[in-house]
Amino acid sequence: MHYEPTLESVSAHQVPDWYNDAKLGIFIHWGLYSVPAWAPHGGDIGEVFQSGDMSQWFRHNSYAEWYMNTLRFDDSPTRAWHNQNYGADFSYDDFAAGFNSALKRWKPAEMAALFSEVNARYVVLTSKHHDGFCLWKSDIPCPRKSGYHTQRDVVGELTDAVRAAGIRMGIYYSGGLDWAFNDEPIQDVADVWGTIVQTPEFVDYSVAHWKELIDRYQPALMWNDIGYPQAADLGALFAYYYNAVPEGVINDRFTQSLDRLPRVGKELVSPRGPHYDFITPEYTQFDDIQPNKWETCRGIGHSFGYNRNEGDEQLLPESELVHMFVDIVSKNGNLLLNVGPKSDGSIPQNQALRLRALGSWLDRNGAAIFNTRPWQRAESQTTQGLAIRFTQNGDTVYATLLGTPAESEIVIEGLEAPGGASIQLLGKTGDLAWRQAGSDLAVQLPDDLPEAPAHALQITGLGG
């Protein structure tokens, strides 16, 4: 359909099947901050936010991509590390030369091949983060800083490589914060929203950027971050996008009304804009099936941008990553799992190992994830206490065991199957023996069940 340039018109847009089916996306935080690639250990922001105390977060920010802001605190760990390694007179903008030099070694096809190996269905790249540095050669250059962009068209080259690998490509853009236009340091949660750039110059700049990104790259997702200027006509911008990319999707972070801000102590969910296709909780999961589509975004560690200060102990273990992903999908969510490349585009080994582990698990169990929808309920457990998550595709229900049972027979609490049902273990051939034990379902597992983060049972004839 054709959309008129109004919020009322674009509100008729429906979430396309591809996005409901996709389940797994790869987020890429990559920019000037990838050169120093350092942040202190501050834990997951979701846990800090829910604790109700963010008084020291921005001074001790564990997000490496916030390096420029954290550097503005004279007493921050980042400032001390920066002075020791680069000198007090080395500015953040001085990283541009090193970043552009490192980019000469980047091989976009290799990056896309890794995402394909992981079984990702879409990718979202930070075309411009809060520092204002652009990863494409824009015809609308930054009016505050000359040549403030990459010498390679990172957005375009990665878009081509990702699509050649059969994956959809989306674009992140920091539409509210741009530290090239506003050098006021962010010290608390209120400052995040109080420093959104509201000048007419920035309104024109950000809208022109979005339209240029749409025209050049036709992104499958418009992934905005940290609000949007109040004077911008979002109805017109969204109609422009949907008319160009009818199956595109828009996230909820085009917030213009400052009366919708989050409260410290609640779930870390961005205040929502006037129109969106999905919501974007950060480092957060839900307890129940959500009626509307959602996507949680998080790093493999505590940071989105590459943080050389993070070791294996700061990164998600393989089993925890798989369990989290299965839980999210069972509750109508997608996982936008972030990688933080080094400045030359290479993915750090400890991140790549976890990506490949997830991809290997999906090679065997992907039918329980992709193209599914939530079932009547998301959760159960075995009588032995092993957690289970449910998904559904047609008349087939998948019961994914979060771990490897010690017993050869498991009993799933509160699950009744009709007489004609058949049960298989994904990755194995042949039907499994099962019996109804009152209101519980007993299933005989193979004797050679391998140790794995999770195992998916396919129960045909149970859906509905």
Protein backbone atom coordinates (compact mmCIF):
# COMPACT_ATOMS: atom_id res chain seq x y z
CA MET A 1 0.00 0.00 0.00
CA HIS A 2 1.01 3.61 -0.40
CA TYR A 3 1.50 5.54 2.84
CA GLU A 4 0.60 9.16 3.29
CA PRO A 5 3.06 11.33 5.24
CA THR A 6 1.16 11.08 8.53
CA LEU A 7 1.48 9.01 11.68
CA GLU A 8 -2.11 7.88 11.20
CA SER A 9 -1.29 6.44 7.79
CA VAL A 10 1.93 4.64 8.79
CA SER A 11 0.19 3.15 11.83
CA ALA A 12 -1.50 0.73 9.41
CA HIS A 13 1.84 -0.94 8.69
CA GLN A 14 1.98 -4.55 9.85
CA VAL A 15 5.05 -6.40 11.08
CA PRO A 16 6.11 -8.53 8.08
CA ASP A 17 6.40 -12.29 8.38
CA TRP A 18 10.14 -12.24 7.71
CA TYR A 19 10.78 -10.32 10.92
CA ASN A 20 8.53 -12.58 12.99
CA ASP A 21 10.31 -15.59 11.47
CA ALA A 22 13.87 -14.27 11.75
CA LYS A 23 14.53 -14.61 15.51
CA LEU A 24 18.27 -13.88 15.33
CA GLY A 25 19.98 -10.69 14.22
CA ILE A 26 23.57 -9.53 14.56
CA PHE A 27 24.19 -6.01 15.89
CA ILE A 28 27.52 -4.37 14.97
CA HIS A 29 28.94 -1.53 17.06
CA TRP A 30 31.97 -0.26 15.17
CA GLY A 31 33.52 3.17 14.98
CA LEU A 32 36.29 5.42 16.29
CA TYR A 33 35.80 3.91 19.75
CA SER A 34 37.03 0.60 18.27
CA VAL A 35 40.56 2.02 18.18
CA PRO A 36 41.07 2.57 21.94
CA ALA A 37 38.55 -0.23 22.59
CA TRP A 38 38.54 0.16 26.34
CA ALA A 39 36.04 0.55 29.16
CA PRO A 40 36.05 -0.37 32.86
CA HIS A 41 34.13 -3.36 34.19
CA GLY A 42 30.74 -1.98 35.17
CA GLY A 43 28.49 -5.00 34.77
CA ASP A 44 25.37 -5.35 32.63
CA ILE A 45 23.49 -2.09 32.32
CA GLY A 46 20.18 -3.92 32.78
CA GLU A 47 21.21 -5.03 36.27
CA VAL A 48 22.52 -1.57 37.16
CA PHE A 49 19.35 0.10 35.88
CA GLN A 50 17.08 -2.22 37.82
CA SER A 51 19.10 -1.69 40.99
CA GLY A 52 17.86 1.91 41.01
CA ASP A 53 21.34 3.41 41.41
CA MET A 54 22.93 4.82 38.26
CA SER A 55 24.76 7.63 40.02
CA GLN A 56 28.19 6.37 38.93
CA TRP A 57 27.27 4.57 35.71
CA PHE A 58 28.28 7.26 33.22
CA ARG A 59 31.60 7.92 34.97
CA HIS A 60 32.37 4.17 35.05
CA ASN A 61 30.53 3.28 31.85
CA SER A 62 31.20 -0.30 30.71
CA TYR A 63 29.99 0.56 27.19
CA ALA A 64 33.20 1.05 25.19
CA GLU A 65 31.22 2.84 22.47
CA TRP A 66 30.59 5.64 25.00
CA TYR A 67 34.34 6.27 25.23
CA MET A 68 34.01 9.87 24.03
CA ASN A 69 31.54 10.79 26.76
CA THR A 70 33.34 8.90 29.52
CA LEU A 71 36.56 10.63 28.49
CA ARG A 72 34.97 13.96 29.44
CA PHE A 73 35.15 13.07 33.15
CA ASP A 74 38.54 14.12 34.51
CA ASP A 75 38.31 11.49 37.26
CA SER A 76 36.97 8.56 35.19
CA PRO A 77 38.91 5.30 34.73
CA THR A 78 38.67 5.89 30.98
CA ARG A 79 40.39 9.28 31.27
CA ALA A 80 43.19 7.77 33.35
CA TRP A 81 43.66 4.91 30.87
CA HIS A 82 43.55 7.31 27.91
CA ASN A 83 46.15 9.68 29.39
CA GLN A 84 48.46 6.76 30.12
CA ASN A 85 48.17 5.22 26.64
CA TYR A 86 47.63 8.22 24.33
CA GLY A 87 48.43 11.32 26.35
CA ALA A 88 46.16 14.04 27.71
CA ASP A 89 46.46 16.10 24.52
CA PHE A 90 45.31 13.27 22.21
CA SER A 91 41.69 14.04 21.34
CA TYR A 92 38.93 11.59 20.53
CA ASP A 93 38.81 12.87 16.94
CA ASP A 94 42.48 11.93 16.55
CA PHE A 95 41.37 8.29 16.41
CA ALA A 96 39.94 8.89 12.92
CA ALA A 97 43.27 8.49 11.13
CA GLY A 98 43.98 5.17 12.84
CA PHE A 99 40.49 3.89 12.19
CA ASN A 100 40.57 4.71 8.49
CA SER A 101 44.02 3.15 8.21
CA ALA A 102 42.85 -0.07 9.89
CA LEU A 103 39.78 -0.23 7.64
CA LYS A 104 42.01 -0.84 4.64
CA ARG A 105 42.44 -4.42 5.95
CA TRP A 106 38.72 -5.08 6.44
CA LYS A 107 37.19 -7.92 4.40
CA PRO A 108 33.41 -7.52 4.41
CA ALA A 109 32.77 -10.91 2.76
CA GLU A 110 34.55 -12.66 5.64
CA MET A 111 32.44 -10.77 8.17
CA ALA A 112 29.24 -11.69 6.34
CA ALA A 113 30.35 -15.32 6.07
CA LEU A 114 30.67 -15.53 9.86
CA PHE A 115 27.15 -14.15 10.32
CA SER A 116 25.87 -16.72 7.84
CA GLU A 117 27.64 -19.47 9.76
CA VAL A 118 25.84 -18.30 12.90
CA ASN A 119 22.50 -18.65 11.06
CA ALA A 120 21.67 -14.97 11.57
CA ARG A 121 18.70 -13.76 9.54
CA TYR A 122 19.48 -10.04 9.66
CA VAL A 123 22.29 -7.62 10.51
CA VAL A 124 22.12 -4.09 11.94
CA LEU A 125 25.17 -1.83 11.58
CA THR A 126 25.84 1.39 13.52
CA SER A 127 26.08 3.82 10.61
CA LYS A 128 26.52 6.73 13.06
CA HIS A 129 26.84 6.33 16.81
CA HIS A 130 26.56 9.08 19.42
CA ASP A 131 30.01 10.44 18.56
CA GLY A 132 28.62 11.58 15.19
CA PHE A 133 31.24 9.81 13.06
CA CYS A 134 29.68 8.35 9.89
CA LEU A 135 30.54 4.96 8.41
CA TRP A 136 29.58 6.05 4.90
CA LYS A 137 30.55 8.94 2.62
CA SER A 138 27.53 11.13 2.99
CA ASP A 139 26.53 13.93 0.64
CA ILE A 140 25.41 15.70 3.83
CA PRO A 141 28.74 16.12 5.66
CA CYS A 142 28.95 17.01 9.33
CA PRO A 143 28.90 20.82 9.50
CA ARG A 144 30.89 20.83 12.75
CA LYS A 145 33.81 18.55 11.81
CA SER A 146 35.45 18.30 8.41
CA GLY A 147 35.89 14.84 6.91
CA TYR A 148 34.18 13.18 9.86
CA HIS A 149 33.49 9.89 8.10
CA THR A 150 35.16 6.73 6.88
CA GLN A 151 37.15 6.74 3.67
CA ARG A 152 35.55 3.41 2.68
CA ASP A 153 31.80 3.10 2.28
CA VAL A 154 31.48 0.68 5.20
CA VAL A 155 27.67 0.75 5.13
CA GLY A 156 27.50 0.05 1.40
CA GLU A 157 30.20 -2.61 1.28
CA LEU A 158 28.76 -4.52 4.23
CA THR A 159 25.24 -4.22 2.81
CA ASP A 160 26.40 -5.83 -0.43
CA ALA A 161 28.27 -8.60 1.38
CA VAL A 162 25.45 -9.37 3.80
CA ARG A 163 22.84 -9.53 1.05
CA ALA A 164 25.13 -11.71 -1.07
CA ALA A 165 25.13 -14.13 1.89
CA GLY A 166 21.32 -14.22 1.85
CA ILE A 167 20.88 -12.10 4.98
CA ARG A 168 18.81 -8.94 5.38
CA MET A 169 20.61 -5.70 6.19
CA GLY A 170 19.45 -3.03 8.62
CA ILE A 171 20.88 0.31 9.70
CA TYR A 172 21.29 1.86 13.15
CA TYR A 173 21.52 5.65 13.40
CA SER A 174 21.88 7.79 16.50
CA GLY A 175 19.10 10.24 15.79
CA GLY A 176 18.96 12.03 19.13
CA LEU A 177 22.48 12.19 20.50
CA ASP A 178 25.27 13.59 18.36
CA TRP A 179 28.30 14.77 20.30
CA ALA A 180 29.65 16.62 17.27
CA PHE A 181 26.74 19.01 17.81
CA ASN A 182 26.61 18.90 21.62
CA ASP A 183 29.74 18.55 23.76
CA GLU A 184 27.89 18.67 27.08
CA PRO A 185 28.87 15.56 29.09
CA ILE A 186 26.15 13.12 30.06
CA GLN A 187 26.34 12.56 33.81
CA ASP A 188 23.00 10.92 34.65
CA VAL A 189 19.88 9.43 33.05
CA ALA A 190 18.18 12.82 32.77
CA ASP A 191 21.12 14.16 30.77
CA VAL A 192 20.69 11.41 28.18
CA TRP A 193 17.37 12.90 27.13
CA GLY A 194 18.22 16.49 28.02
CA THR A 195 21.13 16.51 25.57
CA ILE A 196 19.15 15.36 22.53
CA VAL A 197 20.00 17.91 19.84
CA GLN A 198 16.90 19.99 19.04
CA THR A 199 18.28 22.68 16.71
CA PRO A 200 16.72 23.20 13.26
CA GLU A 201 20.16 22.54 11.76
CA PHE A 202 20.30 19.09 13.35
CA VAL A 203 16.69 18.27 12.45
CA ASP A 204 17.49 18.87 8.78
CA TYR A 205 20.80 16.99 9.07
CA SER A 206 19.38 13.87 10.71
CA VAL A 207 16.31 13.64 8.45
CA ALA A 208 18.51 14.11 5.37
CA HIS A 209 20.83 11.37 6.63
CA TRP A 210 17.98 8.92 7.14
CA LYS A 211 16.60 9.64 3.67
CA GLU A 212 20.05 9.21 2.13
CA LEU A 213 20.51 5.88 3.92
CA ILE A 214 17.09 4.75 2.69
CA ASP A 215 17.73 5.83 -0.90
CA ARG A 216 21.21 4.30 -1.12
CA TYR A 217 20.86 1.10 0.86
CA GLN A 218 17.12 0.28 1.29
CA PRO A 219 17.66 -1.02 4.85
CA ALA A 220 15.40 -3.80 6.09
CA LEU A 221 15.31 -2.10 9.52
CA MET A 222 15.37 1.52 10.63
CA TRP A 223 17.02 1.18 14.02
CA ASN A 224 17.12 4.58 15.69
CA ASP A 225 18.66 5.22 19.12
CA ILE A 226 18.13 7.65 22.02
CA GLY A 227 15.17 9.64 20.80
CA TYR A 228 14.66 12.09 17.97
CA PRO A 229 14.32 15.88 17.71
CA GLN A 230 10.84 17.08 18.62
CA ALA A 231 10.47 19.27 15.52
CA ALA A 232 11.06 16.42 13.06
CA ASP A 233 8.06 15.20 11.06
CA LEU A 234 8.22 11.48 11.78
CA GLY A 235 5.01 10.69 9.91
CA ALA A 236 6.60 11.97 6.73
CA LEU A 237 9.92 10.20 7.38
CA PHE A 238 8.28 6.85 8.15
CA ALA A 239 6.04 7.07 5.07
CA TYR A 240 9.12 7.83 2.97
CA TYR A 241 10.71 4.66 4.30
CA TYR A 242 7.72 2.32 4.03
CA ASN A 243 7.00 3.50 0.49
CA ALA A 244 10.62 2.72 -0.44
CA VAL A 245 10.92 -0.50 1.61
CA PRO A 246 7.38 -1.89 2.12
CA GLU A 247 8.61 -4.86 4.20
CA GLY A 248 10.90 -2.74 6.32
CA VAL A 249 10.50 -2.41 10.08
CA ILE A 250 10.99 0.51 12.45
CA ASN A 251 12.06 0.28 16.08
CA ASP A 252 10.55 2.14 19.03
CA ARG A 253 13.39 4.57 19.78
CA PHE A 254 12.23 7.57 17.74
CA THR A 255 11.02 9.12 21.01
CA GLN A 256 10.08 12.77 20.77
CA SER A 257 7.93 13.25 23.88
CA LEU A 258 10.06 13.72 26.99
CA ASP A 259 7.16 12.73 29.24
CA ARG A 260 7.72 9.08 28.26
CA LEU A 261 11.13 8.68 29.85
CA PRO A 262 12.14 5.51 31.73
CA ARG A 263 12.21 5.35 35.50
CA VAL A 264 15.28 3.94 37.19
CA GLY A 265 14.41 0.64 38.79
CA LYS A 266 12.10 -0.59 36.00
CA GLU A 267 12.94 -2.85 33.10
CA LEU A 268 15.45 -1.28 30.76
CA VAL A 269 13.06 -0.54 27.90
CA SER A 270 13.54 2.56 25.81
CA PRO A 271 10.78 5.19 26.02
CA ARG A 272 8.73 4.61 22.92
CA GLY A 273 8.20 6.79 19.90
CA PRO A 274 4.86 7.68 18.30
CA HIS A 275 5.00 4.71 15.89
CA TYR A 276 6.99 1.47 15.83
CA ASP A 277 6.87 -2.12 14.65
CA PHE A 278 8.71 -3.63 17.62
CA ILE A 279 10.07 -2.64 21.02
CA THR A 280 13.73 -2.87 22.03
CA PRO A 281 14.49 -3.81 25.64
CA GLU A 282 18.24 -3.71 26.27
CA TYR A 283 20.00 -6.42 28.28
CA THR A 284 16.49 -7.43 29.37
CA GLN A 285 14.13 -10.40 29.07
CA PHE A 286 10.44 -10.81 29.92
CA ASP A 287 8.79 -13.27 32.27
CA ASP A 288 5.80 -13.96 30.01
CA ILE A 289 4.79 -14.16 26.36
CA GLN A 290 4.43 -10.62 25.01
CA PRO A 291 1.45 -9.86 22.76
CA ASN A 292 3.49 -7.50 20.57
CA LYS A 293 6.75 -8.18 18.80
CA TRP A 294 9.92 -7.33 20.70
CA GLU A 295 13.66 -7.60 20.23
CA THR A 296 16.21 -7.58 23.00
CA CYS A 297 19.63 -6.20 22.15
CA ARG A 298 22.77 -6.92 24.11
CA GLY A 299 26.46 -7.54 23.80
CA ILE A 300 28.14 -10.89 24.23
CA GLY A 301 29.81 -9.18 27.17
CA HIS A 302 28.95 -6.02 29.11
CA SER A 303 29.85 -3.71 26.19
CA PHE A 304 28.56 -3.28 22.66
CA GLY A 305 31.75 -1.78 21.22
CA TYR A 306 34.89 -3.94 21.37
CA ASN A 307 36.40 -3.73 24.84
CA ARG A 308 39.92 -5.14 25.09
CA ASN A 309 39.44 -5.07 28.86
CA GLU A 310 36.82 -7.85 28.70
CA GLY A 311 38.02 -11.43 29.07
CA ASP A 312 36.11 -14.68 29.01
CA GLU A 313 34.82 -14.08 32.52
CA GLN A 314 32.91 -11.01 31.28
CA LEU A 315 31.37 -12.80 28.27
CA LEU A 316 28.30 -15.01 28.20
CA PRO A 317 29.08 -18.72 28.47
CA GLU A 318 27.83 -20.80 25.54
CA SER A 319 25.07 -22.50 27.53
CA GLU A 320 23.78 -19.23 28.97
CA LEU A 321 23.68 -17.67 25.50
CA VAL A 322 21.65 -20.57 24.09
CA HIS A 323 19.27 -20.64 27.07
CA MET A 324 18.70 -16.89 26.86
CA PHE A 325 18.00 -17.10 23.13
CA VAL A 326 15.50 -19.96 23.49
CA ASP A 327 13.73 -18.12 26.30
CA ILE A 328 13.44 -14.92 24.25
CA VAL A 329 12.01 -16.72 21.22
CA SER A 330 9.46 -18.60 23.34
CA LYS A 331 8.05 -15.24 24.49
CA ASN A 332 7.64 -13.66 21.04
CA GLY A 333 11.04 -12.00 20.93
CA ASN A 334 14.03 -11.75 18.64
CA LEU A 335 17.63 -11.56 19.84
CA LEU A 336 19.80 -8.84 18.33
CA LEU A 337 23.17 -10.14 19.51
CA ASN A 338 25.98 -7.65 19.25
CA VAL A 339 29.53 -8.08 18.04
CA GLY A 340 32.17 -5.42 18.56
CA PRO A 341 34.77 -5.71 15.79
CA LYS A 342 38.31 -4.47 16.20
CA SER A 343 39.14 -1.36 14.21
CA ASP A 344 40.23 -3.49 11.22
CA GLY A 345 36.88 -5.30 11.13
CA SER A 346 38.10 -8.58 12.58
CA ILE A 347 35.87 -10.18 15.21
CA PRO A 348 37.72 -10.89 18.48
CA GLN A 349 38.29 -14.61 18.96
CA ASN A 350 36.35 -14.89 22.23
CA GLN A 351 33.30 -13.34 20.56
CA ALA A 352 33.63 -15.47 17.43
CA LEU A 353 33.83 -18.67 19.48
CA ARG A 354 30.49 -17.93 21.09
CA LEU A 355 28.91 -16.98 17.78
CA ARG A 356 30.03 -20.23 16.22
CA ALA A 357 28.81 -22.23 19.22
CA LEU A 358 25.36 -20.68 18.83
CA GLY A 359 25.44 -21.33 15.09
CA SER A 360 26.42 -24.96 15.63
CA TRP A 361 23.54 -25.43 18.07
CA LEU A 362 21.14 -23.90 15.54
CA ASP A 363 22.40 -26.20 12.78
CA ARG A 364 20.88 -29.02 14.80
CA ASN A 365 17.95 -27.31 16.51
CA GLY A 366 16.98 -24.43 14.23
CA ALA A 367 13.54 -25.89 13.47
CA ALA A 368 12.56 -25.18 17.10
CA ILE A 369 13.50 -21.52 16.61
CA PHE A 370 13.10 -20.14 13.10
CA ASN A 371 9.62 -19.56 11.64
CA THR A 372 8.00 -20.46 14.97
CA ARG A 373 5.51 -18.58 17.09
CA PRO A 374 4.79 -18.69 20.83
CA TRP A 375 2.67 -21.61 21.98
CA GLN A 376 -0.15 -21.52 24.56
CA ARG A 377 2.48 -21.01 27.26
CA ALA A 378 6.20 -20.41 27.19
CA GLU A 379 7.51 -22.44 30.11
CA SER A 380 7.41 -25.76 31.91
CA GLN A 381 9.92 -28.10 33.52
CA THR A 382 10.57 -31.77 33.98
CA THR A 383 9.69 -33.44 37.24
CA GLN A 384 13.46 -33.61 37.72
CA GLY A 385 13.63 -29.80 37.64
CA LEU A 386 15.04 -29.17 34.15
CA ALA A 387 13.61 -26.00 32.58
CA ILE A 388 11.69 -26.21 29.28
CA ARG A 389 10.62 -23.59 26.74
CA PHE A 390 7.91 -24.08 24.10
CA THR A 391 7.52 -22.81 20.54
CA GLN A 392 5.06 -23.75 17.80
CA ASN A 393 4.95 -24.09 14.03
CA GLY A 394 1.56 -25.23 12.71
CA ASP A 395 0.51 -28.43 14.46
CA THR A 396 4.02 -29.03 15.75
CA VAL A 397 5.15 -27.95 19.19
CA TYR A 398 8.81 -27.82 20.16
CA ALA A 399 9.78 -28.45 23.79
CA THR A 400 13.38 -27.32 24.27
CA LEU A 401 15.15 -28.71 27.32
CA LEU A 402 17.56 -26.14 28.77
CA GLY A 403 20.33 -28.57 29.51
CA THR A 404 21.12 -32.28 29.16
CA PRO A 405 18.99 -34.57 31.35
CA ALA A 406 20.80 -37.08 33.55
CA GLU A 407 17.89 -39.52 33.19
CA SER A 408 16.99 -41.63 30.14
CA GLU A 409 13.32 -40.85 30.66
CA ILE A 410 12.09 -37.33 31.32
CA VAL A 411 8.64 -36.35 32.53
CA ILE A 412 7.36 -32.96 31.34
CA GLU A 413 5.00 -31.42 33.84
CA GLY A 414 1.50 -30.46 32.72
CA LEU A 415 1.85 -31.55 29.10
CA GLU A 416 -0.75 -33.81 27.48
CA ALA A 417 -0.35 -35.18 23.95
CA PRO A 418 -3.11 -36.70 21.81
CA GLY A 419 -2.91 -40.40 20.99
CA GLY A 420 -1.70 -39.87 17.43
CA ALA A 421 1.18 -37.58 18.36
CA SER A 422 4.75 -38.44 17.42
CA ILE A 423 7.90 -37.19 19.12
CA GLN A 424 11.38 -36.83 17.67
CA LEU A 425 14.61 -35.34 18.99
CA LEU A 426 15.98 -32.76 16.57
CA GLY A 427 19.26 -33.96 15.13
CA LYS A 428 18.29 -37.64 15.52
CA THR A 429 16.25 -39.89 13.26
CA GLY A 430 13.34 -42.02 14.42
CA ASP A 431 10.44 -41.62 16.81
CA LEU A 432 10.87 -41.60 20.57
CA ALA A 433 8.74 -43.75 22.83
CA TRP A 434 6.40 -41.78 25.05
CA ARG A 435 3.51 -42.30 27.43
CA GLN A 436 1.02 -40.15 29.24
CA ALA A 437 1.53 -40.17 33.00
CA GLY A 438 -1.61 -38.47 34.23
CA SER A 439 -1.33 -34.83 33.24
CA ASP A 440 2.41 -35.19 32.54
CA LEU A 441 4.22 -36.47 29.45
CA ALA A 442 6.98 -39.07 29.85
CA VAL A 443 9.48 -39.31 26.98
CA GLN A 444 12.22 -41.92 26.51
CA LEU A 445 15.40 -40.22 25.28
CA PRO A 446 18.14 -41.86 23.17
CA ASP A 447 20.85 -43.66 25.08
CA ASP A 448 23.57 -41.75 23.24
CA LEU A 449 22.22 -38.28 24.02
CA PRO A 450 25.22 -35.93 23.70
CA GLU A 451 26.07 -33.23 26.21
CA ALA A 452 24.74 -29.93 24.82
CA PRO A 453 23.42 -26.58 26.06
CA ALA A 454 19.87 -27.57 25.07
CA HIS A 455 17.90 -30.31 23.30
CA ALA A 456 14.71 -29.76 21.29
CA LEU A 457 11.86 -32.26 21.17
CA GLN A 458 9.56 -32.03 18.14
CA ILE A 459 6.02 -33.04 19.09
CA THR A 460 3.86 -33.38 15.98
CA GLY A 461 0.10 -33.28 16.44
CA LEU A 462 0.10 -31.13 19.58
CA GLY A 463 -0.20 -27.67 18.05
CA GLY A 464 -3.30 -25.55 18.10
